[in-house]
Amino acid sequence: MTTGTLCLVRLLPLLDVLESPVRQPVREVVPGGADFAERERTAQQEDEQALTSREGDPTAITRRAEQLALAGGAMTAELAELATALGWRPAGPCGLRCTWPACAPSAEGCVRHRAFQPQQTLAARLRRKLGAESRPWYLMSVDLASDDDEPFEFVTEIGADGYESRKVAQYMDGRLVCVDREHRTRDGVTLSSERVPSWTEFEANNDLHAEEASTEFFESRWQQGLTGSIR
């Protein structure tokens, strides 16, 4: 059986659901279902407007947070209708009692459980502005302008205080160098003493590729760094 035939066989059950005469088109079941991308763009614009107007209007952030809460409830309802329209059947650890996407990810191994919770999303930044506690987070950055004899990739643990606490640098030849607050400089790599720039500054730097990493990824790289090279 060829790969193309195998893929088609796997798609047949879904095609049966979509073509069934008892099913309604998704656009009819979920009004506006085709314009999720446009709605997301509009929502991001409203988020940015709230951030830029907060100095002149301190309540702008609070109002936007309330709007997001209401929108989140409406989106959950739409997702539930969409799941029904597509013939979705529960497959989470709760079995037939699973009510995704309306449930909470409380069960261990739940399909909605996220071990990696980014700290630099707009929603997370808004929560901190409203008083949520800051937590450590992890940054993977690639210096696109580095010289051949300089490290080009850094995986960094950033403390709740906004300063680097541990960092692993990688060279082009595979060497890894670890630094932390007890050993701030090693083999030409230094733990910065300055506060980590904002995420907006990272995104605006054309010589740098940056993305948030998980705790597990950092700890794995840190252990590799202690050996001196990628295994």
Protein backbone atom coordinates (compact mmCIF):
# COMPACT_ATOMS: atom_id res chain seq x y z
CA MET A 1 0.00 0.00 0.00
CA THR A 2 1.46 3.37 -0.97
CA THR A 3 1.74 6.31 1.43
CA GLY A 4 -0.91 8.22 -0.53
CA THR A 5 -3.35 5.30 -0.33
CA LEU A 6 -2.73 4.92 3.40
CA CYS A 7 -3.44 8.62 3.99
CA LEU A 8 -6.68 8.37 1.99
CA VAL A 9 -7.82 5.36 4.02
CA ARG A 10 -7.23 7.31 7.23
CA LEU A 11 -9.25 10.25 5.87
CA LEU A 12 -12.26 8.20 4.75
CA PRO A 13 -14.01 8.19 8.18
CA LEU A 14 -13.75 11.98 8.38
CA LEU A 15 -15.03 12.33 4.79
CA ASP A 16 -18.03 10.17 5.69
CA VAL A 17 -18.84 12.50 8.58
CA LEU A 18 -18.50 15.66 6.50
CA GLU A 19 -20.58 14.29 3.60
CA SER A 20 -23.32 12.76 5.74
CA PRO A 21 -26.77 14.21 4.90
CA VAL A 22 -27.55 14.53 8.62
CA ARG A 23 -24.58 16.85 9.12
CA GLN A 24 -24.73 20.57 8.56
CA PRO A 25 -21.86 22.47 6.95
CA VAL A 26 -19.50 23.80 9.61
CA ARG A 27 -20.16 27.38 8.49
CA GLU A 28 -23.87 26.89 9.24
CA VAL A 29 -23.25 25.19 12.57
CA VAL A 30 -20.71 27.81 13.66
CA PRO A 31 -21.58 31.25 12.28
CA GLY A 32 -18.45 33.02 11.09
CA GLY A 33 -16.42 29.83 11.32
CA ALA A 34 -14.42 30.78 8.24
CA ASP A 35 -13.08 34.05 9.59
CA PHE A 36 -11.17 32.90 12.69
CA ALA A 37 -7.92 34.39 11.33
CA GLU A 38 -9.49 37.82 10.80
CA ARG A 39 -11.04 37.72 14.26
CA GLU A 40 -7.66 36.87 15.76
CA ARG A 41 -6.01 39.78 13.93
CA THR A 42 -8.70 42.13 15.23
CA ALA A 43 -8.27 40.78 18.77
CA GLN A 44 -4.51 41.35 18.64
CA GLN A 45 -5.06 44.92 17.48
CA GLU A 46 -7.42 45.51 20.41
CA ASP A 47 -4.82 44.02 22.77
CA GLU A 48 -2.17 46.42 21.50
CA GLN A 49 -4.57 49.37 21.78
CA ALA A 50 -5.22 48.51 25.42
CA LEU A 51 -1.48 48.35 26.11
CA THR A 52 -0.70 51.65 24.39
CA SER A 53 -3.58 53.52 26.07
CA ARG A 54 -2.95 52.27 29.62
CA GLU A 55 -0.96 55.34 30.67
CA GLY A 56 -3.76 57.75 29.80
CA ASP A 57 -6.50 55.36 30.85
CA PRO A 58 -5.47 53.04 33.73
CA THR A 59 -8.72 51.05 33.36
CA ALA A 60 -7.99 50.08 29.73
CA ILE A 61 -6.18 46.89 30.74
CA THR A 62 -8.94 45.85 33.14
CA ARG A 63 -11.64 46.42 30.54
CA ARG A 64 -9.67 44.45 27.95
CA ALA A 65 -9.19 41.57 30.40
CA GLU A 66 -12.96 41.46 30.97
CA GLN A 67 -13.57 41.45 27.21
CA LEU A 68 -11.11 38.57 26.80
CA ALA A 69 -12.88 36.57 29.52
CA LEU A 70 -16.23 37.01 27.76
CA ALA A 71 -14.69 36.19 24.37
CA GLY A 72 -13.06 33.09 25.83
CA GLY A 73 -16.42 31.78 27.02
CA ALA A 74 -17.99 32.40 23.61
CA MET A 75 -15.08 30.70 21.83
CA THR A 76 -15.39 27.65 24.09
CA ALA A 77 -19.05 27.34 23.11
CA GLU A 78 -18.16 27.61 19.41
CA LEU A 79 -15.46 24.96 19.78
CA ALA A 80 -17.94 22.62 21.44
CA GLU A 81 -20.37 23.06 18.52
CA LEU A 82 -17.58 22.55 16.00
CA ALA A 83 -16.45 19.35 17.72
CA THR A 84 -20.01 18.03 17.56
CA ALA A 85 -20.35 19.01 13.89
CA LEU A 86 -17.21 17.08 13.00
CA GLY A 87 -18.36 13.99 14.85
CA TRP A 88 -15.59 14.24 17.47
CA ARG A 89 -15.59 11.56 20.15
CA PRO A 90 -13.90 11.94 23.55
CA ALA A 91 -10.41 10.42 23.65
CA GLY A 92 -8.99 11.95 26.82
CA PRO A 93 -8.23 10.20 30.13
CA CYS A 94 -11.77 10.94 31.32
CA GLY A 95 -13.16 8.61 28.63
CA LEU A 96 -16.79 9.16 27.78
CA ARG A 97 -17.06 11.63 30.66
CA CYS A 98 -14.64 13.95 28.87
CA THR A 99 -16.34 17.22 27.92
CA TRP A 100 -13.56 18.87 25.99
CA PRO A 101 -13.38 21.74 25.04
CA ALA A 102 -15.63 22.89 27.88
CA CYS A 103 -13.78 21.04 30.67
CA ALA A 104 -10.80 22.04 32.77
CA PRO A 105 -7.48 20.18 32.32
CA SER A 106 -7.47 18.80 35.86
CA ALA A 107 -6.90 15.09 35.16
CA GLU A 108 -3.29 13.94 34.87
CA GLY A 109 -2.49 13.33 31.19
CA CYS A 110 -5.55 15.30 30.05
CA VAL A 111 -5.48 16.12 26.33
CA ARG A 112 -5.74 19.80 27.26
CA HIS A 113 -2.98 19.72 29.88
CA ARG A 114 -0.02 21.86 28.89
CA ALA A 115 3.26 21.17 30.63
CA PHE A 116 4.74 24.14 28.77
CA GLN A 117 3.02 27.40 29.67
CA PRO A 118 4.68 30.32 27.85
CA GLN A 119 5.33 33.38 29.99
CA GLN A 120 5.84 35.90 27.19
CA THR A 121 2.48 35.69 25.41
CA LEU A 122 0.37 38.83 25.43
CA ALA A 123 -2.13 37.16 27.76
CA ALA A 124 0.61 36.28 30.26
CA ARG A 125 2.00 39.83 30.14
CA LEU A 126 -1.48 41.25 30.74
CA ARG A 127 -1.97 38.96 33.74
CA ARG A 128 1.30 40.18 35.26
CA LYS A 129 0.27 43.79 34.72
CA LEU A 130 -2.90 43.01 36.67
CA GLY A 131 -0.89 41.57 39.57
CA ALA A 132 -0.15 37.95 38.64
CA GLU A 133 3.10 36.65 40.11
CA SER A 134 6.13 36.57 37.82
CA ARG A 135 7.73 33.17 37.28
CA PRO A 136 11.04 31.97 35.83
CA TRP A 137 10.99 31.40 32.08
CA TYR A 138 13.34 30.08 29.43
CA LEU A 139 14.66 31.70 26.28
CA MET A 140 16.35 30.12 23.27
CA SER A 141 18.10 32.69 21.09
CA VAL A 142 20.23 32.37 17.97
CA ASP A 143 22.69 35.14 17.10
CA LEU A 144 22.47 35.40 13.31
CA ALA A 145 25.43 37.78 13.18
CA SER A 146 27.89 35.81 15.31
CA ASP A 147 31.42 35.10 14.08
CA ASP A 148 32.64 31.53 13.57
CA ASP A 149 34.64 31.57 16.80
CA GLU A 150 31.74 32.92 18.88
CA PRO A 151 28.77 31.05 20.37
CA PHE A 152 25.75 31.30 18.11
CA GLU A 153 22.99 29.81 20.29
CA PHE A 154 22.04 30.55 23.88
CA VAL A 155 19.49 28.76 26.04
CA THR A 156 18.83 30.89 29.10
CA GLU A 157 16.94 30.56 32.36
CA ILE A 158 15.52 33.93 33.39
CA GLY A 159 14.49 34.36 37.01
CA ALA A 160 11.31 35.96 38.28
CA ASP A 161 13.43 39.07 38.94
CA GLY A 162 14.02 39.47 35.20
CA TYR A 163 17.75 38.63 35.29
CA GLU A 164 19.61 35.68 33.81
CA SER A 165 20.19 32.91 36.36
CA ARG A 166 21.66 30.14 34.16
CA LYS A 167 22.76 30.02 30.54
CA VAL A 168 24.13 27.47 28.09
CA ALA A 169 26.04 28.72 25.04
CA GLN A 170 26.69 26.58 21.97
CA TYR A 171 29.54 26.98 19.47
CA MET A 172 29.49 25.91 15.83
CA ASP A 173 31.73 22.93 16.62
CA GLY A 174 29.20 21.57 19.12
CA ARG A 175 30.92 22.78 22.28
CA LEU A 176 28.64 23.83 25.13
CA VAL A 177 29.54 26.20 27.95
CA CYS A 178 27.45 26.65 31.12
CA VAL A 179 27.39 29.73 33.34
CA ASP A 180 25.27 30.55 36.39
CA ARG A 181 25.14 33.04 39.25
CA GLU A 182 27.90 31.25 41.12
CA HIS A 183 30.16 30.96 38.06
CA ARG A 184 29.27 34.02 36.00
CA THR A 185 32.10 33.74 33.47
CA ARG A 186 33.55 30.66 31.83
CA ASP A 187 35.44 30.14 28.55
CA GLY A 188 34.42 33.51 27.12
CA VAL A 189 30.74 33.19 28.05
CA THR A 190 29.32 35.61 30.64
CA LEU A 191 26.03 35.69 32.52
CA SER A 192 24.64 39.17 31.91
CA SER A 193 24.37 41.50 34.89
CA GLU A 194 21.70 43.60 33.14
CA ARG A 195 17.98 42.99 33.18
CA VAL A 196 16.76 40.90 30.22
CA PRO A 197 15.22 43.10 27.48
CA SER A 198 11.48 43.03 26.81
CA TRP A 199 10.04 40.50 24.38
CA THR A 200 9.21 43.38 22.02
CA GLU A 201 12.92 44.25 21.84
CA PHE A 202 13.81 40.64 21.03
CA GLU A 203 11.30 40.59 18.18
CA ALA A 204 12.60 43.90 16.80
CA ASN A 205 16.22 42.65 16.59
CA ASN A 206 16.77 41.42 13.01
CA ASP A 207 20.10 39.82 13.97
CA LEU A 208 18.47 37.61 16.58
CA HIS A 209 16.00 34.75 16.44
CA ALA A 210 14.29 34.27 19.81
CA GLU A 211 11.65 31.90 21.05
CA GLU A 212 10.43 30.78 24.44
CA ALA A 213 11.48 27.30 25.55
CA SER A 214 10.11 24.83 28.07
CA THR A 215 11.62 23.95 31.43
CA GLU A 216 12.27 20.42 30.17
CA PHE A 217 14.17 21.67 27.13
CA PHE A 218 16.36 23.95 29.23
CA GLU A 219 17.14 21.29 31.83
CA SER A 220 18.05 18.81 29.08
CA ARG A 221 20.40 21.32 27.46
CA TRP A 222 21.86 22.26 30.85
CA GLN A 223 22.73 18.62 31.56
CA GLN A 224 24.34 18.37 28.14
CA GLY A 225 26.23 21.57 28.84
CA LEU A 226 27.71 20.09 31.99
CA THR A 227 29.34 17.43 29.81
CA GLY A 228 30.79 20.10 27.51
CA SER A 229 29.12 19.10 24.23
CA ILE A 230 25.91 17.99 22.58
CA ARG A 231 25.61 14.23 22.78
